[in-house]
Structures are given as C-alpha cells and as structure tokens.
C-alpha cells in the first residue's frame, strides 16, 4: 500500500475507524490553524460582485467556503475535501 492510498475514498469506506483517527482527525486539527489568504478573499470579492463563475482548486482545506464565503456550488475541489471526507 502506498501512502496516498490512505487518502482514498475506498480506504475511508473500508476502514472508517482508521481513516477517522489517522487521516481525517489530524487533517481537521491542521485545518483549525489555517486562515484564508489574500487570494481566498479575492475570490470572495469576485463572488460578491457577481463576477465569479467557478473556482477549481486542488486544496482540501475548504477555506474558500469557510472564510472567503464563496458558495459550495461555485467551488470544485478536484482532490476532495476534509469536510466531506471525499479524497
């Protein structure tokens, strides 16, 4: 098994207890210390003005939603998200 397999949806479904303890839990703790960057806020500013169509991101931190207030339907999280557990 490769390291990245621990972040897969199939691993999370097959081993939910291990996934929660060793993957999702630590990622949520890490996320608690993260703050939106100027770029996150810029995306929120674009949304407020009606200029934002979609954001495609590789980030799994959810900061576009939590701090920049961009609606979920405008953000495509290409690698999944900590909040949904879909990697």
PDB file of N, CA and C in Angstrom:
ATOM      1  N   UNK A   1       0.847  -1.178   0.000  1.00  0.00           N
ATOM      2  CA  UNK A   1       0.000   0.000   0.000  1.00  0.00           C
ATOM      3  C   UNK A   1       0.889   1.237   0.000  1.00  0.00           C
ATOM      4  N   UNK A   2       0.529   2.197  -0.862  1.00  0.00           N
ATOM      5  CA  UNK A   2       1.263   3.459  -0.945  1.00  0.00           C
ATOM      6  C   UNK A   2       0.656   4.454   0.038  1.00  0.00           C
ATOM      7  N   UNK A   3       1.434   5.447   0.430  1.00  0.00           N
ATOM      8  CA  UNK A   3       0.956   6.460   1.379  1.00  0.00           C
ATOM      9  C   UNK A   3      -0.331   7.126   0.915  1.00  0.00           C
ATOM     10  N   UNK A   4      -0.402   7.452  -0.387  1.00  0.00           N
ATOM     11  CA  UNK A   4      -1.583   8.159  -0.881  1.00  0.00           C
ATOM     12  C   UNK A   4      -2.859   7.313  -0.819  1.00  0.00           C
ATOM     13  N   UNK A   5      -2.711   5.992  -0.699  1.00  0.00           N
ATOM     14  CA  UNK A   5      -3.886   5.125  -0.579  1.00  0.00           C
ATOM     15  C   UNK A   5      -4.685   5.424   0.686  1.00  0.00           C
ATOM     16  N   UNK A   6      -4.023   5.907   1.726  1.00  0.00           N
ATOM     17  CA  UNK A   6      -4.715   6.242   2.979  1.00  0.00           C
ATOM     18  C   UNK A   6      -5.702   7.396   2.791  1.00  0.00           C
ATOM     19  N   UNK A   7      -5.498   8.195   1.755  1.00  0.00           N
ATOM     20  CA  UNK A   7      -6.367   9.344   1.489  1.00  0.00           C
ATOM     21  C   UNK A   7      -7.457   9.022   0.473  1.00  0.00           C
ATOM     22  N   UNK A   8      -7.582   7.788   0.089  1.00  0.00           N
ATOM     23  CA  UNK A   8      -8.562   7.427  -0.932  1.00  0.00           C
ATOM     24  C   UNK A   8      -9.941   7.177  -0.337  1.00  0.00           C
ATOM     25  N   UNK A   9     -10.930   7.367  -1.160  1.00  0.00           N
ATOM     26  CA  UNK A   9     -12.312   7.107  -0.750  1.00  0.00           C
ATOM     27  C   UNK A   9     -12.493   5.629  -0.419  1.00  0.00           C
ATOM     28  N   UNK A  10     -11.867   4.757  -1.206  1.00  0.00           N
ATOM     29  CA  UNK A  10     -12.028   3.321  -0.963  1.00  0.00           C
ATOM     30  C   UNK A  10     -11.431   2.915   0.391  1.00  0.00           C
ATOM     31  N   UNK A  11     -10.297   3.506   0.768  1.00  0.00           N
ATOM     32  CA  UNK A  11      -9.723   3.203   2.084  1.00  0.00           C
ATOM     33  C   UNK A  11     -10.629   3.727   3.185  1.00  0.00           C
ATOM     34  N   UNK A  12     -11.153   4.938   3.027  1.00  0.00           N
ATOM     35  CA  UNK A  12     -12.042   5.527   4.036  1.00  0.00           C
ATOM     36  C   UNK A  12     -13.285   4.681   4.234  1.00  0.00           C
ATOM     37  N   UNK A  13     -13.818   4.138   3.152  1.00  0.00           N
ATOM     38  CA  UNK A  13     -15.016   3.307   3.244  1.00  0.00           C
ATOM     39  C   UNK A  13     -14.711   1.935   3.839  1.00  0.00           C
ATOM     40  N   UNK A  14     -13.548   1.382   3.512  1.00  0.00           N
ATOM     41  CA  UNK A  14     -13.186   0.053   4.005  1.00  0.00           C
ATOM     42  C   UNK A  14     -12.723   0.073   5.459  1.00  0.00           C
ATOM     43  N   UNK A  15     -12.113   1.178   5.890  1.00  0.00           N
ATOM     44  CA  UNK A  15     -11.540   1.283   7.236  1.00  0.00           C
ATOM     45  C   UNK A  15     -11.926   2.617   7.878  1.00  0.00           C
ATOM     46  N   UNK A  16     -13.197   2.866   8.138  1.00  0.00           N
ATOM     47  CA  UNK A  16     -13.619   4.177   8.629  1.00  0.00           C
ATOM     48  C   UNK A  16     -12.997   4.581   9.958  1.00  0.00           C
ATOM     49  N   UNK A  17     -12.782   3.639  10.864  1.00  0.00           N
ATOM     50  CA  UNK A  17     -12.182   3.980  12.161  1.00  0.00           C
ATOM     51  C   UNK A  17     -10.735   4.431  12.012  1.00  0.00           C
ATOM     52  N   UNK A  18      -9.978   3.704  11.215  1.00  0.00           N
ATOM     53  CA  UNK A  18      -8.574   4.060  10.983  1.00  0.00           C
ATOM     54  C   UNK A  18      -8.495   5.400  10.253  1.00  0.00           C
ATOM     55  N   UNK A  19      -9.358   5.570   9.241  1.00  0.00           N
ATOM     56  CA  UNK A  19      -9.365   6.811   8.477  1.00  0.00           C
ATOM     57  C   UNK A  19      -9.659   8.004   9.375  1.00  0.00           C
ATOM     58  N   UNK A  20     -10.649   7.884  10.232  1.00  0.00           N
ATOM     59  CA  UNK A  20     -11.016   8.988  11.131  1.00  0.00           C
ATOM     60  C   UNK A  20      -9.871   9.323  12.086  1.00  0.00           C
ATOM     61  N   UNK A  21      -9.268   8.301  12.674  1.00  0.00           N
ATOM     62  CA  UNK A  21      -8.226   8.521  13.681  1.00  0.00           C
ATOM     63  C   UNK A  21      -6.916   9.040  13.088  1.00  0.00           C
ATOM     64  N   UNK A  22      -6.513   8.483  11.948  1.00  0.00           N
ATOM     65  CA  UNK A  22      -5.175   8.779  11.431  1.00  0.00           C
ATOM     66  C   UNK A  22      -5.149   9.732  10.244  1.00  0.00           C
ATOM     67  N   UNK A  23      -6.306   9.987   9.632  1.00  0.00           N
ATOM     68  CA  UNK A  23      -6.321  10.876   8.472  1.00  0.00           C
ATOM     69  C   UNK A  23      -7.229  12.082   8.723  1.00  0.00           C
ATOM     70  N   UNK A  24      -8.523  11.852   8.800  1.00  0.00           N
ATOM     71  CA  UNK A  24      -9.463  12.973   8.915  1.00  0.00           C
ATOM     72  C   UNK A  24      -9.244  13.771  10.199  1.00  0.00           C
ATOM     73  N   UNK A  25      -9.067  13.094  11.319  1.00  0.00           N
ATOM     74  CA  UNK A  25      -8.854  13.797  12.584  1.00  0.00           C
ATOM     75  C   UNK A  25      -7.660  14.733  12.548  1.00  0.00           C
ATOM     76  N   UNK A  26      -6.479  14.221  12.191  1.00  0.00           N
ATOM     77  CA  UNK A  26      -5.311  15.118  12.106  1.00  0.00           C
ATOM     78  C   UNK A  26      -5.473  16.238  11.075  1.00  0.00           C
ATOM     79  N   UNK A  27      -6.143  15.945   9.950  1.00  0.00           N
ATOM     80  CA  UNK A  27      -6.358  16.999   8.953  1.00  0.00           C
ATOM     81  C   UNK A  27      -7.277  18.090   9.487  1.00  0.00           C
ATOM     82  N   UNK A  28      -8.296  17.707  10.241  1.00  0.00           N
ATOM     83  CA  UNK A  28      -9.180  18.720  10.840  1.00  0.00           C
ATOM     84  C   UNK A  28      -8.423  19.570  11.852  1.00  0.00           C
ATOM     85  N   UNK A  29      -7.543  18.947  12.633  1.00  0.00           N
ATOM     86  CA  UNK A  29      -6.738  19.719  13.591  1.00  0.00           C
ATOM     87  C   UNK A  29      -5.834  20.700  12.859  1.00  0.00           C
ATOM     88  N   UNK A  30      -5.243  20.234  11.762  1.00  0.00           N
ATOM     89  CA  UNK A  30      -4.378  21.100  10.963  1.00  0.00           C
ATOM     90  C   UNK A  30      -5.201  22.250  10.395  1.00  0.00           C
ATOM     91  N   UNK A  31      -6.402  21.952   9.896  1.00  0.00           N
ATOM     92  CA  UNK A  31      -7.251  22.974   9.291  1.00  0.00           C
ATOM     93  C   UNK A  31      -7.629  24.049  10.298  1.00  0.00           C
ATOM     94  N   UNK A  32      -7.774  23.685  11.557  1.00  0.00           N
ATOM     95  CA  UNK A  32      -8.190  24.646  12.585  1.00  0.00           C
ATOM     96  C   UNK A  32      -7.224  25.826  12.670  1.00  0.00           C
ATOM     97  N   UNK A  33      -5.966  25.608  12.327  1.00  0.00           N
ATOM     98  CA  UNK A  33      -4.976  26.678  12.391  1.00  0.00           C
ATOM     99  C   UNK A  33      -4.807  27.450  11.098  1.00  0.00           C
ATOM    100  N   UNK A  34      -5.517  27.064  10.050  1.00  0.00           N
ATOM    101  CA  UNK A  34      -5.369  27.725   8.758  1.00  0.00           C
ATOM    102  C   UNK A  34      -6.280  28.944   8.651  1.00  0.00           C
ATOM    103  N   UNK A  35      -5.833  29.916   7.917  1.00  0.00           N
ATOM    104  CA  UNK A  35      -6.618  31.121   7.665  1.00  0.00           C
ATOM    105  C   UNK A  35      -6.606  31.414   6.169  1.00  0.00           C
ATOM    106  N   UNK A  36      -7.651  32.054   5.722  1.00  0.00           N
ATOM    107  CA  UNK A  36      -7.755  32.408   4.307  1.00  0.00           C
ATOM    108  C   UNK A  36      -6.616  33.337   3.907  1.00  0.00           C
ATOM    109  N   UNK A  37      -6.155  33.150   2.687  1.00  0.00           N
ATOM    110  CA  UNK A  37      -5.109  34.012   2.133  1.00  0.00           C
ATOM    111  C   UNK A  37      -5.761  35.185   1.403  1.00  0.00           C
ATOM    112  N   UNK A  38      -4.938  36.097   0.937  1.00  0.00           N
ATOM    113  CA  UNK A  38      -5.454  37.209   0.138  1.00  0.00           C
ATOM    114  C   UNK A  38      -6.176  36.683  -1.104  1.00  0.00           C
ATOM    115  N   UNK A  39      -5.676  35.592  -1.659  1.00  0.00           N
ATOM    116  CA  UNK A  39      -6.323  35.048  -2.857  1.00  0.00           C
ATOM    117  C   UNK A  39      -7.710  34.477  -2.531  1.00  0.00           C
ATOM    118  N   UNK A  40      -7.850  33.790  -1.401  1.00  0.00           N
ATOM    119  CA  UNK A  40      -9.174  33.314  -0.986  1.00  0.00           C
ATOM    120  C   UNK A  40     -10.144  34.491  -0.882  1.00  0.00           C
ATOM    121  N   UNK A  41      -9.692  35.550  -0.228  1.00  0.00           N
ATOM    122  CA  UNK A  41     -10.539  36.734  -0.052  1.00  0.00           C
ATOM    123  C   UNK A  41     -10.842  37.413  -1.397  1.00  0.00           C
ATOM    124  N   UNK A  42      -9.875  37.401  -2.294  1.00  0.00           N
ATOM    125  CA  UNK A  42     -10.091  37.948  -3.631  1.00  0.00           C
ATOM    126  C   UNK A  42     -11.205  37.178  -4.350  1.00  0.00           C
ATOM    127  N   UNK A  43     -11.217  35.868  -4.218  1.00  0.00           N
ATOM    128  CA  UNK A  43     -12.280  35.049  -4.820  1.00  0.00           C
ATOM    129  C   UNK A  43     -13.637  35.413  -4.219  1.00  0.00           C
ATOM    130  N   UNK A  44     -13.673  35.630  -2.913  1.00  0.00           N
ATOM    131  CA  UNK A  44     -14.907  36.071  -2.268  1.00  0.00           C
ATOM    132  C   UNK A  44     -15.356  37.428  -2.781  1.00  0.00           C
ATOM    133  N   UNK A  45     -14.417  38.330  -2.993  1.00  0.00           N
ATOM    134  CA  UNK A  45     -14.710  39.663  -3.524  1.00  0.00           C
ATOM    135  C   UNK A  45     -15.295  39.546  -4.931  1.00  0.00           C
ATOM    136  N   UNK A  46     -14.700  38.676  -5.755  1.00  0.00           N
ATOM    137  CA  UNK A  46     -15.237  38.459  -7.107  1.00  0.00           C
ATOM    138  C   UNK A  46     -16.668  37.923  -7.039  1.00  0.00           C
ATOM    139  N   UNK A  47     -16.910  37.003  -6.121  1.00  0.00           N
ATOM    140  CA  UNK A  47     -18.252  36.446  -5.957  1.00  0.00           C
ATOM    141  C   UNK A  47     -19.261  37.523  -5.543  1.00  0.00           C
ATOM    142  N   UNK A  48     -18.880  38.370  -4.603  1.00  0.00           N
ATOM    143  CA  UNK A  48     -19.773  39.437  -4.138  1.00  0.00           C
ATOM    144  C   UNK A  48     -20.223  40.338  -5.283  1.00  0.00           C
ATOM    145  N   UNK A  49     -19.363  40.534  -6.265  1.00  0.00           N
ATOM    146  CA  UNK A  49     -19.672  41.408  -7.379  1.00  0.00           C
ATOM    147  C   UNK A  49     -20.370  40.686  -8.533  1.00  0.00           C
ATOM    148  N   UNK A  50     -20.542  39.360  -8.395  1.00  0.00           N
ATOM    149  CA  UNK A  50     -21.196  38.589  -9.446  1.00  0.00           C
ATOM    150  C   UNK A  50     -20.292  38.236 -10.606  1.00  0.00           C
ATOM    151  N   UNK A  51     -18.982  38.351 -10.400  1.00  0.00           N
ATOM    152  CA  UNK A  51     -18.032  38.097 -11.477  1.00  0.00           C
ATOM    153  C   UNK A  51     -17.452  36.692 -11.451  1.00  0.00           C
ATOM    154  N   UNK A  52     -17.641  35.983 -10.367  1.00  0.00           N
ATOM    155  CA  UNK A  52     -17.029  34.654 -10.219  1.00  0.00           C
ATOM    156  C   UNK A  52     -17.958  33.587 -10.783  1.00  0.00           C
ATOM    157  N   UNK A  53     -17.435  32.795 -11.677  1.00  0.00           N
ATOM    158  CA  UNK A  53     -18.229  31.694 -12.219  1.00  0.00           C
ATOM    159  C   UNK A  53     -17.906  30.387 -11.514  1.00  0.00           C
ATOM    160  N   UNK A  54     -16.636  30.077 -11.329  1.00  0.00           N
ATOM    161  CA  UNK A  54     -16.248  28.809 -10.741  1.00  0.00           C
ATOM    162  C   UNK A  54     -14.794  28.886 -10.294  1.00  0.00           C
ATOM    163  N   UNK A  55     -14.496  28.160  -9.235  1.00  0.00           N
ATOM    164  CA  UNK A  55     -13.118  28.000  -8.765  1.00  0.00           C
ATOM    165  C   UNK A  55     -12.798  26.514  -8.838  1.00  0.00           C
ATOM    166  N   UNK A  56     -11.695  26.184  -9.472  1.00  0.00           N
ATOM    167  CA  UNK A  56     -11.188  24.811  -9.474  1.00  0.00           C
ATOM    168  C   UNK A  56      -9.945  24.818  -8.602  1.00  0.00           C
ATOM    169  N   UNK A  57      -9.960  24.003  -7.563  1.00  0.00           N
ATOM    170  CA  UNK A  57      -8.845  24.019  -6.625  1.00  0.00           C
ATOM    171  C   UNK A  57      -8.382  22.613  -6.286  1.00  0.00           C
ATOM    172  N   UNK A  58      -7.100  22.485  -5.999  1.00  0.00           N
ATOM    173  CA  UNK A  58      -6.542  21.231  -5.515  1.00  0.00           C
ATOM    174  C   UNK A  58      -6.502  21.212  -3.995  1.00  0.00           C
ATOM    175  N   UNK A  59      -6.824  22.322  -3.374  1.00  0.00           N
ATOM    176  CA  UNK A  59      -6.802  22.396  -1.915  1.00  0.00           C
ATOM    177  C   UNK A  59      -7.950  21.589  -1.332  1.00  0.00           C
ATOM    178  N   UNK A  60      -7.724  21.005  -0.172  1.00  0.00           N
ATOM    179  CA  UNK A  60      -8.773  20.237   0.507  1.00  0.00           C
ATOM    180  C   UNK A  60      -9.195  20.911   1.796  1.00  0.00           C
ATOM    181  N   UNK A  61      -8.752  22.151   2.007  1.00  0.00           N
ATOM    182  CA  UNK A  61      -8.969  22.817   3.291  1.00  0.00           C
ATOM    183  C   UNK A  61     -10.328  23.493   3.446  1.00  0.00           C
ATOM    184  N   UNK A  62     -11.043  23.731   2.363  1.00  0.00           N
ATOM    185  CA  UNK A  62     -12.362  24.346   2.447  1.00  0.00           C
ATOM    186  C   UNK A  62     -12.364  25.829   2.790  1.00  0.00           C
ATOM    187  N   UNK A  63     -11.222  26.494   2.710  1.00  0.00           N
ATOM    188  CA  UNK A  63     -11.151  27.904   3.096  1.00  0.00           C
ATOM    189  C   UNK A  63     -11.938  28.819   2.167  1.00  0.00           C
ATOM    190  N   UNK A  64     -12.170  28.398   0.941  1.00  0.00           N
ATOM    191  CA  UNK A  64     -12.999  29.230   0.055  1.00  0.00           C
ATOM    192  C   UNK A  64     -14.396  29.388   0.639  1.00  0.00           C
ATOM    193  N   UNK A  65     -14.892  28.329   1.271  1.00  0.00           N
ATOM    194  CA  UNK A  65     -16.241  28.369   1.851  1.00  0.00           C
ATOM    195  C   UNK A  65     -16.222  29.017   3.236  1.00  0.00           C
ATOM    196  N   UNK A  66     -15.344  28.518   4.065  1.00  0.00           N
ATOM    197  CA  UNK A  66     -15.361  28.887   5.482  1.00  0.00           C
ATOM    198  C   UNK A  66     -15.027  30.352   5.722  1.00  0.00           C
ATOM    199  N   UNK A  67     -14.039  30.858   5.024  1.00  0.00           N
ATOM    200  CA  UNK A  67     -13.587  32.213   5.321  1.00  0.00           C
ATOM    201  C   UNK A  67     -13.813  33.205   4.189  1.00  0.00           C
ATOM    202  N   UNK A  68     -13.791  32.738   2.962  1.00  0.00           N
ATOM    203  CA  UNK A  68     -13.973  33.671   1.843  1.00  0.00           C
ATOM    204  C   UNK A  68     -15.434  33.759   1.432  1.00  0.00           C
ATOM    205  N   UNK A  69     -16.279  32.907   2.009  1.00  0.00           N
ATOM    206  CA  UNK A  69     -17.724  32.923   1.793  1.00  0.00           C
ATOM    207  C   UNK A  69     -18.132  32.745   0.335  1.00  0.00           C
ATOM    208  N   UNK A  70     -17.413  31.877  -0.365  1.00  0.00           N
ATOM    209  CA  UNK A  70     -17.793  31.506  -1.725  1.00  0.00           C
ATOM    210  C   UNK A  70     -18.724  30.295  -1.600  1.00  0.00           C
ATOM    211  N   UNK A  71     -19.893  30.316  -2.237  1.00  0.00           N
ATOM    212  CA  UNK A  71     -20.820  29.187  -2.123  1.00  0.00           C
ATOM    213  C   UNK A  71     -20.212  27.882  -2.648  1.00  0.00           C
ATOM    214  N   UNK A  72     -20.591  26.789  -2.025  1.00  0.00           N
ATOM    215  CA  UNK A  72     -20.053  25.478  -2.410  1.00  0.00           C
ATOM    216  C   UNK A  72     -20.289  25.148  -3.876  1.00  0.00           C
ATOM    217  N   UNK A  73     -21.403  25.589  -4.436  1.00  0.00           N
ATOM    218  CA  UNK A  73     -21.694  25.253  -5.831  1.00  0.00           C
ATOM    219  C   UNK A  73     -20.786  25.973  -6.821  1.00  0.00           C
ATOM    220  N   UNK A  74     -19.986  26.924  -6.342  1.00  0.00           N
ATOM    221  CA  UNK A  74     -19.034  27.619  -7.212  1.00  0.00           C
ATOM    222  C   UNK A  74     -17.614  27.086  -7.086  1.00  0.00           C
ATOM    223  N   UNK A  75     -17.402  26.136  -6.168  1.00  0.00           N
ATOM    224  CA  UNK A  75     -16.055  25.612  -5.934  1.00  0.00           C
ATOM    225  C   UNK A  75     -16.012  24.127  -6.280  1.00  0.00           C
ATOM    226  N   UNK A  76     -15.082  23.757  -7.155  1.00  0.00           N
ATOM    227  CA  UNK A  76     -14.839  22.364  -7.490  1.00  0.00           C
ATOM    228  C   UNK A  76     -13.536  21.976  -6.822  1.00  0.00           C
ATOM    229  N   UNK A  77     -13.631  21.118  -5.809  1.00  0.00           N
ATOM    230  CA  UNK A  77     -12.438  20.664  -5.091  1.00  0.00           C
ATOM    231  C   UNK A  77     -11.963  19.382  -5.757  1.00  0.00           C
ATOM    232  N   UNK A  78     -10.991  19.527  -6.639  1.00  0.00           N
ATOM    233  CA  UNK A  78     -10.555  18.431  -7.506  1.00  0.00           C
ATOM    234  C   UNK A  78     -10.029  17.213  -6.748  1.00  0.00           C
ATOM    235  N   UNK A  79      -9.484  17.416  -5.575  1.00  0.00           N
ATOM    236  CA  UNK A  79      -8.956  16.305  -4.785  1.00  0.00           C
ATOM    237  C   UNK A  79      -9.847  15.954  -3.610  1.00  0.00           C
ATOM    238  N   UNK A  80     -11.044  16.493  -3.571  1.00  0.00           N
ATOM    239  CA  UNK A  80     -11.935  16.231  -2.453  1.00  0.00           C
ATOM    240  C   UNK A  80     -11.819  17.310  -1.395  1.00  0.00           C
ATOM    241  N   UNK A  81     -12.377  17.006  -0.221  1.00  0.00           N
ATOM    242  CA  UNK A  81     -12.376  17.996   0.850  1.00  0.00           C
ATOM    243  C   UNK A  81     -12.340  17.320   2.202  1.00  0.00           C
ATOM    244  N   UNK A  82     -11.711  17.962   3.165  1.00  0.00           N
ATOM    245  CA  UNK A  82     -11.668  17.432   4.532  1.00  0.00           C
ATOM    246  C   UNK A  82     -13.083  17.307   5.075  1.00  0.00           C
ATOM    247  N   UNK A  83     -13.902  18.312   4.839  1.00  0.00           N
ATOM    248  CA  UNK A  83     -15.253  18.346   5.401  1.00  0.00           C
ATOM    249  C   UNK A  83     -16.111  17.178   4.932  1.00  0.00           C
ATOM    250  N   UNK A  84     -15.992  16.816   3.661  1.00  0.00           N
ATOM    251  CA  UNK A  84     -16.840  15.754   3.125  1.00  0.00           C
ATOM    252  C   UNK A  84     -16.184  14.391   3.222  1.00  0.00           C
ATOM    253  N   UNK A  85     -14.878  14.362   3.473  1.00  0.00           N
ATOM    254  CA  UNK A  85     -14.175  13.082   3.553  1.00  0.00           C
ATOM    255  C   UNK A  85     -14.014  12.414   2.222  1.00  0.00           C
ATOM    256  N   UNK A  86     -14.181  13.153   1.149  1.00  0.00           N
ATOM    257  CA  UNK A  86     -14.039  12.585  -0.187  1.00  0.00           C
ATOM    258  C   UNK A  86     -12.715  13.015  -0.789  1.00  0.00           C
ATOM    259  N   UNK A  87     -11.815  12.059  -0.855  1.00  0.00           N
ATOM    260  CA  UNK A  87     -10.492  12.336  -1.415  1.00  0.00           C
ATOM    261  C   UNK A  87     -10.313  11.545  -2.683  1.00  0.00           C
TER     262      UNK A  87
END
